[in-house]
N, C-alpha and C. Protein backbone atom coordinates (compact mmCIF):
# COMPACT_ATOMS: atom_id res chain seq x y z
N MET A 1 122.68 -254.61 53.63
CA MET A 1 121.97 -254.07 54.58
C MET A 1 121.65 -252.54 54.18
N LEU A 2 123.12 -251.90 54.00
CA LEU A 2 122.69 -250.56 53.63
C LEU A 2 121.70 -250.61 52.87
N THR A 3 122.38 -251.02 51.51
CA THR A 3 121.33 -251.18 50.18
C THR A 3 120.26 -250.85 50.46
N VAL A 4 119.50 -251.68 50.72
CA VAL A 4 117.79 -252.30 50.97
C VAL A 4 117.81 -250.89 52.13
N LEU A 5 118.42 -250.65 53.10
CA LEU A 5 117.65 -249.30 53.63
C LEU A 5 117.83 -247.64 53.18
N ALA A 6 118.92 -247.86 52.27
CA ALA A 6 118.57 -246.76 51.38
C ALA A 6 117.74 -246.69 50.24
N ALA A 7 117.44 -248.16 49.53
CA ALA A 7 116.09 -248.16 48.64
C ALA A 7 114.83 -247.42 49.23
N VAL A 8 114.87 -248.09 50.04
CA VAL A 8 113.57 -248.14 51.16
C VAL A 8 112.91 -246.09 51.54
N LEU A 9 114.35 -245.43 52.06
CA LEU A 9 114.46 -244.65 51.77
C LEU A 9 114.39 -243.48 50.44
N GLY A 10 114.61 -244.34 49.83
CA GLY A 10 114.69 -243.32 48.57
C GLY A 10 113.18 -243.77 47.83
N ALA A 11 112.33 -244.57 48.18
CA ALA A 11 111.44 -245.10 47.67
C ALA A 11 110.31 -244.04 48.19
N LEU A 12 110.84 -244.12 49.82
CA LEU A 12 110.04 -242.82 50.62
C LEU A 12 110.47 -241.46 50.21
N ARG A 13 111.06 -241.15 49.54
CA ARG A 13 111.55 -240.03 49.28
C ARG A 13 111.02 -239.47 47.99
N GLY A 14 110.91 -240.34 46.83
CA GLY A 14 110.26 -240.37 45.92
C GLY A 14 108.81 -240.20 45.96
N ILE A 15 108.28 -241.03 46.93
CA ILE A 15 106.60 -240.15 46.78
C ILE A 15 106.37 -239.27 47.66
N ALA A 16 107.19 -238.73 48.20
CA ALA A 16 107.17 -237.40 49.18
C ALA A 16 107.02 -236.44 47.80
N ARG A 17 108.12 -236.49 47.02
CA ARG A 17 108.63 -235.90 45.84
C ARG A 17 107.56 -235.49 45.15
N ALA A 18 107.05 -236.59 44.36
CA ALA A 18 105.90 -236.68 43.72
C ALA A 18 104.42 -235.88 44.31
N ARG A 19 104.10 -236.44 45.51
CA ARG A 19 103.44 -235.78 46.09
C ARG A 19 103.38 -234.16 46.12
N LYS A 20 104.25 -233.59 46.52
CA LYS A 20 104.38 -232.37 46.74
C LYS A 20 104.56 -231.50 45.34
N LEU A 21 104.73 -231.99 44.45
CA LEU A 21 105.09 -231.87 42.98
C LEU A 21 103.10 -232.09 42.27
N GLY A 22 102.43 -232.15 43.16
CA GLY A 22 100.87 -232.73 43.05
C GLY A 22 100.97 -234.41 41.78
N GLY A 23 101.54 -234.97 42.07
CA GLY A 23 101.20 -236.04 41.22
C GLY A 23 100.33 -237.12 41.74
N ASN A 24 99.87 -237.60 40.47
CA ASN A 24 98.55 -238.72 40.93
C ASN A 24 99.36 -239.86 41.78
N ARG A 25 98.61 -241.59 41.68
CA ARG A 25 99.14 -242.55 42.20
C ARG A 25 100.46 -242.91 41.47
N LEU A 26 99.94 -243.13 40.00
CA LEU A 26 101.13 -243.77 39.15
C LEU A 26 102.56 -242.91 39.31
N ASP A 27 102.18 -241.29 39.22
CA ASP A 27 103.54 -240.67 39.38
C ASP A 27 104.61 -241.01 40.48
N MET A 28 103.31 -240.95 42.08
CA MET A 28 103.98 -241.34 43.11
C MET A 28 104.83 -242.91 42.37
N ILE A 29 104.55 -243.66 42.29
CA ILE A 29 104.54 -245.02 42.10
C ILE A 29 106.06 -244.63 41.38
N GLN A 30 106.23 -244.09 39.93
CA GLN A 30 107.58 -243.96 38.94
C GLN A 30 108.09 -243.26 40.01
N TYR A 31 108.00 -241.99 40.39
CA TYR A 31 108.95 -241.31 40.99
C TYR A 31 109.83 -242.25 42.26
N ALA A 32 108.58 -243.00 43.00
CA ALA A 32 109.56 -243.99 44.24
C ALA A 32 110.37 -245.00 43.70
N CYS A 33 110.34 -245.61 42.56
CA CYS A 33 110.91 -246.72 41.88
C CYS A 33 112.07 -246.18 41.33
N GLY A 34 112.00 -244.80 40.93
CA GLY A 34 113.27 -244.10 40.12
C GLY A 34 114.28 -243.93 41.48
N HIS A 35 113.25 -242.89 42.79
CA HIS A 35 114.44 -242.64 43.81
C HIS A 35 115.05 -243.89 44.51
N ALA A 36 114.42 -245.02 44.70
CA ALA A 36 114.50 -246.03 45.04
C ALA A 36 116.24 -246.91 44.46
N ILE A 37 115.98 -246.83 42.94
CA ILE A 37 116.78 -247.69 42.30
C ILE A 37 117.91 -246.57 42.43
N ALA A 38 117.81 -245.49 42.34
CA ALA A 38 119.48 -244.26 42.81
C ALA A 38 119.62 -244.09 43.75
N PHE A 39 119.20 -244.10 44.93
CA PHE A 39 119.56 -244.62 46.30
C PHE A 39 119.90 -245.78 46.51
N GLY A 40 119.68 -246.91 45.92
CA GLY A 40 120.21 -248.49 46.41
C GLY A 40 121.65 -248.57 45.68
N LEU A 41 121.90 -247.75 44.32
CA LEU A 41 122.76 -248.18 44.02
C LEU A 41 124.20 -247.18 44.25
N LEU A 42 123.57 -246.10 45.05
CA LEU A 42 124.38 -245.09 45.65
C LEU A 42 125.17 -245.89 47.12
N ALA A 43 124.37 -246.63 47.55
CA ALA A 43 124.38 -247.08 48.86
C ALA A 43 125.45 -248.45 48.51
N ALA A 44 125.23 -249.10 47.46
CA ALA A 44 125.88 -250.42 46.86
C ALA A 44 126.89 -249.64 46.62
N LEU A 45 127.49 -248.64 46.11
CA LEU A 45 128.95 -248.31 45.62
C LEU A 45 129.47 -247.65 46.91
N ALA A 46 128.77 -247.19 47.56
CA ALA A 46 129.43 -246.97 48.80
C ALA A 46 129.75 -248.05 50.02
N GLY A 47 129.02 -248.94 50.02
CA GLY A 47 129.27 -250.19 50.44
C GLY A 47 130.41 -250.73 50.25
N THR A 48 130.62 -250.83 48.80
CA THR A 48 131.81 -251.36 48.05
C THR A 48 133.12 -250.28 48.24
N VAL A 49 133.14 -249.27 48.56
CA VAL A 49 134.24 -248.91 48.61
C VAL A 49 134.70 -249.04 50.04
N LEU A 50 133.54 -248.71 51.05
CA LEU A 50 134.01 -249.07 52.25
C LEU A 50 134.43 -250.37 52.82
N ALA A 51 134.31 -251.06 52.26
CA ALA A 51 134.56 -252.43 52.11
C ALA A 51 135.78 -252.50 51.69
N ARG A 52 136.09 -251.90 50.45
CA ARG A 52 137.54 -252.30 50.04
C ARG A 52 138.60 -251.42 50.57
N PHE A 53 138.26 -250.05 51.48
CA PHE A 53 139.18 -248.90 52.47
C PHE A 53 139.29 -249.74 53.68
N LEU A 54 138.56 -250.80 54.12
CA LEU A 54 138.37 -251.22 55.33
C LEU A 54 139.24 -252.48 55.45
N SER A 55 139.43 -253.19 54.38
CA SER A 55 140.04 -254.70 54.27
C SER A 55 141.51 -254.23 54.04
N SER A 56 142.25 -253.95 53.96
CA SER A 56 143.44 -253.22 53.66
C SER A 56 144.31 -253.12 54.76
């Protein structure tokens, strides 16, 4: 669940960043995808680390 939430927040952050830089619709889509992937991967890594430490 953490990964999905982080991906959605990353997509929203990417859209906001592209809009701030003056990008068009395709730029916003590209930034949203890139940020969603990056945030999702970081959240998956954090979830794995937390599960590993909390299970011992």
